[in-house]
């Protein structure tokens, strides 16, 4: 007798094993905030996540990533942002889930914050 298949995780729930280190791209020479790698909720609903935009990005504006990072750092916002491990888990859900919740926008791991933890 074959075992029953495991239930698929809900498409609107993200589960992140924070004990797994993110897989950094080859071009990353130095991890800026390794202390933040294991922070964040282990499980949360995508409905509790909203994109965060710097004022310079609103109304179709564009900004250099370093200015966004400097703003997040100066305002002590980095630890409330989702990170690369979250992005890896979003990727596993597939493009349809990403489009449903983020409308085809680019994902920057430090630019999304959960509304409730």
Protein backbone atom coordinates (compact mmCIF):
# COMPACT_ATOMS: atom_id res chain seq x y z
CA UNK A 1 0.00 0.00 0.00
CA UNK A 2 1.37 3.41 -0.95
CA UNK A 3 1.33 6.14 1.69
CA UNK A 4 -1.12 8.99 1.22
CA UNK A 5 0.44 11.99 -0.50
CA UNK A 6 1.46 14.85 1.73
CA UNK A 7 -0.91 17.79 1.71
CA UNK A 8 0.32 20.68 -0.38
CA UNK A 9 1.07 23.82 1.63
CA UNK A 10 -1.40 26.61 1.19
CA UNK A 11 -0.48 28.86 -1.72
CA UNK A 12 -1.11 31.93 0.39
CA UNK A 13 1.16 30.84 3.25
CA UNK A 14 4.93 31.15 3.30
CA UNK A 15 6.96 28.84 5.56
CA UNK A 16 10.62 29.76 6.03
CA UNK A 17 13.15 27.53 7.74
CA UNK A 18 15.37 30.26 9.20
CA UNK A 19 18.07 27.73 10.13
CA UNK A 20 18.90 27.40 6.41
CA UNK A 21 21.30 30.07 5.19
CA UNK A 22 20.27 31.94 2.05
CA UNK A 23 21.94 31.00 -1.21
CA UNK A 24 23.74 34.17 -2.17
CA UNK A 25 24.46 35.00 -5.81
CA UNK A 26 28.06 34.50 -6.95
CA UNK A 27 28.64 38.25 -7.12
CA UNK A 28 28.09 38.70 -3.36
CA UNK A 29 31.54 39.14 -1.85
CA UNK A 30 30.49 40.16 1.67
CA UNK A 31 27.21 39.62 3.53
CA UNK A 32 26.30 42.99 5.01
CA UNK A 33 24.01 41.85 7.82
CA UNK A 34 24.53 38.18 8.67
CA UNK A 35 22.87 38.87 12.04
CA UNK A 36 19.56 39.35 10.20
CA UNK A 37 19.66 36.06 8.26
CA UNK A 38 17.70 34.15 10.90
CA UNK A 39 15.22 36.90 11.77
CA UNK A 40 11.61 36.97 10.72
CA UNK A 41 8.57 34.79 11.13
CA UNK A 42 8.76 31.08 10.30
CA UNK A 43 5.26 31.15 8.81
CA UNK A 44 3.05 33.97 7.60
CA UNK A 45 0.26 34.66 5.17
CA UNK A 46 1.02 36.53 1.99
CA UNK A 47 -2.02 38.71 2.67
CA UNK A 48 -0.09 40.20 5.62
CA UNK A 49 2.74 41.39 3.37
CA UNK A 50 2.64 44.71 1.59
CA UNK A 51 5.21 46.26 -0.70
CA UNK A 52 7.12 49.15 0.81
CA UNK A 53 8.18 52.00 -1.42
CA UNK A 54 10.61 54.79 -0.63
CA UNK A 55 9.03 58.20 -1.23
CA UNK A 56 11.28 58.56 -4.27
CA UNK A 57 9.72 55.44 -5.82
CA UNK A 58 6.11 56.54 -5.46
CA UNK A 59 4.17 57.84 -8.45
CA UNK A 60 6.38 55.91 -10.87
CA UNK A 61 9.66 57.30 -9.54
CA UNK A 62 12.90 55.32 -9.66
CA UNK A 63 15.76 55.18 -7.21
CA UNK A 64 19.18 53.62 -6.91
CA UNK A 65 19.14 50.62 -4.56
CA UNK A 66 21.89 52.06 -2.36
CA UNK A 67 19.71 55.06 -1.46
CA UNK A 68 16.86 52.74 -0.47
CA UNK A 69 19.24 50.65 1.64
CA UNK A 70 20.66 53.77 3.33
CA UNK A 71 17.12 54.93 4.17
CA UNK A 72 16.18 51.55 5.66
CA UNK A 73 19.42 51.46 7.65
CA UNK A 74 19.12 55.06 8.91
CA UNK A 75 15.53 54.47 10.01
CA UNK A 76 16.20 51.10 11.71
CA UNK A 77 13.88 49.31 9.28
CA UNK A 78 16.11 46.45 8.08
CA UNK A 79 15.05 44.01 10.78
CA UNK A 80 11.37 44.44 9.85
CA UNK A 81 11.95 43.57 6.19
CA UNK A 82 11.71 40.19 4.56
CA UNK A 83 14.97 38.81 3.24
CA UNK A 84 16.56 36.55 0.71
CA UNK A 85 15.31 33.36 2.40
CA UNK A 86 11.76 34.71 2.04
CA UNK A 87 12.44 35.31 -1.64
CA UNK A 88 13.67 31.75 -2.05
CA UNK A 89 10.41 30.47 -0.57
CA UNK A 90 8.33 32.78 -2.79
CA UNK A 91 10.20 31.35 -5.78
CA UNK A 92 9.24 27.80 -4.79
CA UNK A 93 5.55 28.79 -4.96
CA UNK A 94 5.90 29.56 -8.66
CA UNK A 95 5.28 32.51 -10.89
CA UNK A 96 1.48 32.33 -10.67
CA UNK A 97 1.55 32.86 -6.90
CA UNK A 98 4.07 35.68 -7.22
CA UNK A 99 1.92 37.43 -9.83
CA UNK A 100 -1.23 36.96 -7.75
CA UNK A 101 0.25 38.59 -4.67
CA UNK A 102 2.75 41.03 -6.14
CA UNK A 103 1.26 41.85 -9.53
CA UNK A 104 4.44 41.11 -11.48
CA UNK A 105 6.50 43.70 -9.57
CA UNK A 106 10.18 43.09 -8.91
CA UNK A 107 11.02 41.50 -5.58
CA UNK A 108 13.76 43.03 -3.49
CA UNK A 109 14.18 41.03 -0.30
CA UNK A 110 14.62 44.14 1.80
CA UNK A 111 11.65 46.00 0.37
CA UNK A 112 8.75 43.94 1.72
CA UNK A 113 7.50 43.92 5.28
CA UNK A 114 4.96 41.69 7.03
CA UNK A 115 2.11 43.74 8.49
CA UNK A 116 1.58 41.34 11.38
CA UNK A 117 3.99 38.93 12.97
